C-alpha atoms as a PDB file:
ATOM      1  CA  MET A   1       0.000   0.000   0.000  1.00  0.00           C
ATOM      2  CA  ASP A   2       2.878   2.377   0.768  1.00  0.00           C
ATOM      3  CA  SER A   3       4.509   1.889  -2.655  1.00  0.00           C
ATOM      4  CA  THR A   4       1.170   2.536  -4.368  1.00  0.00           C
ATOM      5  CA  THR A   5       0.744   5.814  -2.499  1.00  0.00           C
ATOM      6  CA  THR A   6       4.294   6.831  -3.406  1.00  0.00           C
ATOM      7  CA  PHE A   7       3.708   6.011  -7.072  1.00  0.00           C
ATOM      8  CA  ILE A   8       0.463   7.985  -7.166  1.00  0.00           C
ATOM      9  CA  THR A   9       2.116  10.949  -5.442  1.00  0.00           C
ATOM     10  CA  VAL A  10       5.012  10.945  -7.919  1.00  0.00           C
ATOM     11  CA  ALA A  11       2.611  10.653 -10.864  1.00  0.00           C
ATOM     12  CA  VAL A  12       0.498  13.563  -9.612  1.00  0.00           C
ATOM     13  CA  VAL A  13       3.569  15.743  -9.031  1.00  0.00           C
ATOM     14  CA  ALA A  14       4.877  14.912 -12.519  1.00  0.00           C
ATOM     15  CA  ALA A  15       1.492  15.723 -14.074  1.00  0.00           C
ATOM     16  CA  VAL A  16       1.320  19.050 -12.243  1.00  0.00           C
ATOM     17  CA  LEU A  17       4.856  19.958 -13.325  1.00  0.00           C
ATOM     18  CA  LEU A  18       4.122  19.062 -16.960  1.00  0.00           C
ATOM     19  CA  PHE A  19       0.901  21.082 -16.837  1.00  0.00           C
ATOM     20  CA  ALA A  20       2.775  24.093 -15.444  1.00  0.00           C
ATOM     21  CA  LEU A  21       5.354  23.748 -18.220  1.00  0.00           C
ATOM     22  CA  ALA A  22       2.598  23.566 -20.852  1.00  0.00           C
ATOM     23  CA  VAL A  23       0.889  26.664 -19.454  1.00  0.00           C
ATOM     24  CA  GLY A  24       4.238  28.476 -19.446  1.00  0.00           C
ATOM     25  CA  VAL A  25       4.781  27.653 -23.113  1.00  0.00           C
ATOM     26  CA  LEU A  26       1.215  28.749 -23.914  1.00  0.00           C
ATOM     27  CA  VAL A  27       1.875  32.102 -22.229  1.00  0.00           C
ATOM     28  CA  ARG A  28       5.103  32.497 -24.237  1.00  0.00           C
ATOM     29  CA  LEU A  29       3.186  31.745 -27.438  1.00  0.00           C
ATOM     30  CA  VAL A  30       0.565  34.387 -26.686  1.00  0.00           C
ATOM     31  CA  ARG A  31       3.198  36.977 -25.702  1.00  0.00           C
ATOM     32  CA  ALA A  32       5.262  36.268 -28.812  1.00  0.00           C
ATOM     33  CA  ARG A  33       2.245  36.763 -31.043  1.00  0.00           C
ATOM     34  CA  GLN A  34       1.284  39.987 -29.265  1.00  0.00           C
ATOM     35  CA  GLY A  35       4.842  41.310 -29.519  1.00  0.00           C
ATOM     36  CA  LEU A  36       5.035  40.553 -33.223  1.00  0.00           C
ATOM     37  CA  ARG A  37       1.677  42.221 -33.856  1.00  0.00           C
ATOM     38  CA  ARG A  38       2.664  45.332 -31.850  1.00  0.00           C
ATOM     39  CA  ALA A  39       5.884  45.601 -33.857  1.00  0.00           C
ATOM     40  CA  GLY A  40       3.912  45.374 -37.108  1.00  0.00           C
ATOM     41  CA  LEU A  41       5.582  42.127 -38.110  1.00  0.00           C
ATOM     42  CA  PRO A  42       3.733  39.195 -39.646  1.00  0.00           C
ATOM     43  CA  THR A  43       2.665  36.592 -37.107  1.00  0.00           C
ATOM     44  CA  GLY A  44       2.555  33.674 -39.490  1.00  0.00           C
ATOM     45  CA  PRO A  45      -0.544  31.743 -40.410  1.00  0.00           C
ATOM     46  CA  ARG A  46      -3.333  32.541 -37.967  1.00  0.00           C
ATOM     47  CA  TRP A  47      -4.445  28.894 -37.944  1.00  0.00           C
ATOM     48  CA  VAL A  48      -1.088  27.848 -36.437  1.00  0.00           C
ATOM     49  CA  PHE A  49      -1.646  30.024 -33.373  1.00  0.00           C
ATOM     50  CA  TRP A  50      -5.324  29.220 -32.879  1.00  0.00           C
ATOM     51  CA  GLY A  51      -4.798  25.547 -33.703  1.00  0.00           C
ATOM     52  CA  ALA A  52      -2.148  25.251 -30.986  1.00  0.00           C
ATOM     53  CA  VAL A  53      -4.345  27.057 -28.442  1.00  0.00           C
ATOM     54  CA  LEU A  54      -7.342  24.863 -29.285  1.00  0.00           C
ATOM     55  CA  TYR A  55      -5.258  21.699 -29.100  1.00  0.00           C
ATOM     56  CA  PHE A  56      -4.133  22.700 -25.611  1.00  0.00           C
ATOM     57  CA  VAL A  57      -7.656  23.557 -24.424  1.00  0.00           C
ATOM     58  CA  LEU A  58      -9.694  20.751 -26.010  1.00  0.00           C
ATOM     59  CA  PRO A  59      -9.932  17.495 -24.067  1.00  0.00           C
ATOM     60  CA  THR A  60      -9.144  15.243 -27.052  1.00  0.00           C
ATOM     61  CA  ASP A  61      -5.395  14.671 -27.335  1.00  0.00           C
ATOM     62  CA  LEU A  62      -3.011  12.192 -28.859  1.00  0.00           C
ATOM     63  CA  LEU A  63      -1.929  11.326 -25.327  1.00  0.00           C
ATOM     64  CA  PRO A  64      -4.137  11.368 -22.215  1.00  0.00           C
ATOM     65  CA  ASP A  65      -4.298  14.732 -20.441  1.00  0.00           C
ATOM     66  CA  PRO A  66      -2.138  13.873 -17.408  1.00  0.00           C
ATOM     67  CA  VAL A  67       0.712  13.554 -19.953  1.00  0.00           C
ATOM     68  CA  TYR A  68       1.078  17.048 -21.455  1.00  0.00           C
ATOM     69  CA  LEU A  69       4.042  16.194 -23.666  1.00  0.00           C
ATOM     70  CA  ASP A  70       1.980  16.324 -26.866  1.00  0.00           C
ATOM     71  CA  ASP A  71       0.464  19.672 -25.850  1.00  0.00           C
ATOM     72  CA  ILE A  72       3.933  21.057 -25.119  1.00  0.00           C
ATOM     73  CA  GLY A  73       5.176  19.820 -28.498  1.00  0.00           C
ATOM     74  CA  VAL A  74       2.312  21.448 -30.389  1.00  0.00           C
ATOM     75  CA  LEU A  75       2.775  24.736 -28.508  1.00  0.00           C
ATOM     76  CA  LEU A  76       6.543  24.740 -29.111  1.00  0.00           C
ATOM     77  CA  LEU A  77       6.007  24.063 -32.816  1.00  0.00           C
ATOM     78  CA  ALA A  78       3.586  26.999 -33.041  1.00  0.00           C
ATOM     79  CA  LEU A  79       6.016  29.230 -31.123  1.00  0.00           C
ATOM     80  CA  ARG A  80       8.809  28.268 -33.490  1.00  0.00           C
ATOM     81  CA  THR A  81       6.581  29.015 -36.480  1.00  0.00           C
ATOM     82  CA  LEU A  82       5.720  32.456 -35.105  1.00  0.00           C
ATOM     83  CA  HIS A  83       9.373  33.296 -34.478  1.00  0.00           C
ATOM     84  CA  ARG A  84      10.456  32.149 -37.941  1.00  0.00           C
ATOM     85  CA  SER A  85       7.707  33.994 -39.787  1.00  0.00           C
ATOM     86  CA  PRO A  86       9.387  37.459 -39.851  1.00  0.00           C
ATOM     87  CA  ASP A  87      12.658  35.934 -41.093  1.00  0.00           C
ATOM     88  CA  ARG A  88      10.930  34.466 -44.142  1.00  0.00           C
ATOM     89  CA  SER A  89       9.259  37.764 -45.018  1.00  0.00           C
ATOM     90  CA  GLY A  90      12.561  39.639 -44.963  1.00  0.00           C
ATOM     91  CA  ALA A  91      11.531  41.935 -42.101  1.00  0.00           C
ATOM     92  CA  GLU A  92      14.145  42.741 -39.498  1.00  0.00           C
ATOM     93  CA  GLY A  93      13.394  43.517 -35.897  1.00  0.00           C
END
């Protein structure tokens, strides 16, 4: 019984840490998009941003919700796309 409690505690702590990491990446994505828009730079395809946000919020995932690795991957991919978008357009910041 003690090892089961320990396992559950570790799993819950890991899930909370992964969720906090995913929320942190989501906040960075939103801030990056806002910063690019304020600077007048292109923010990339709008569907990339909204698709990543929806994937994070919707309950259907590739992996179950206690494992936020797929959410983090989608958010990081969208963040990378937003950051690369001005480089492709030739704009300098």
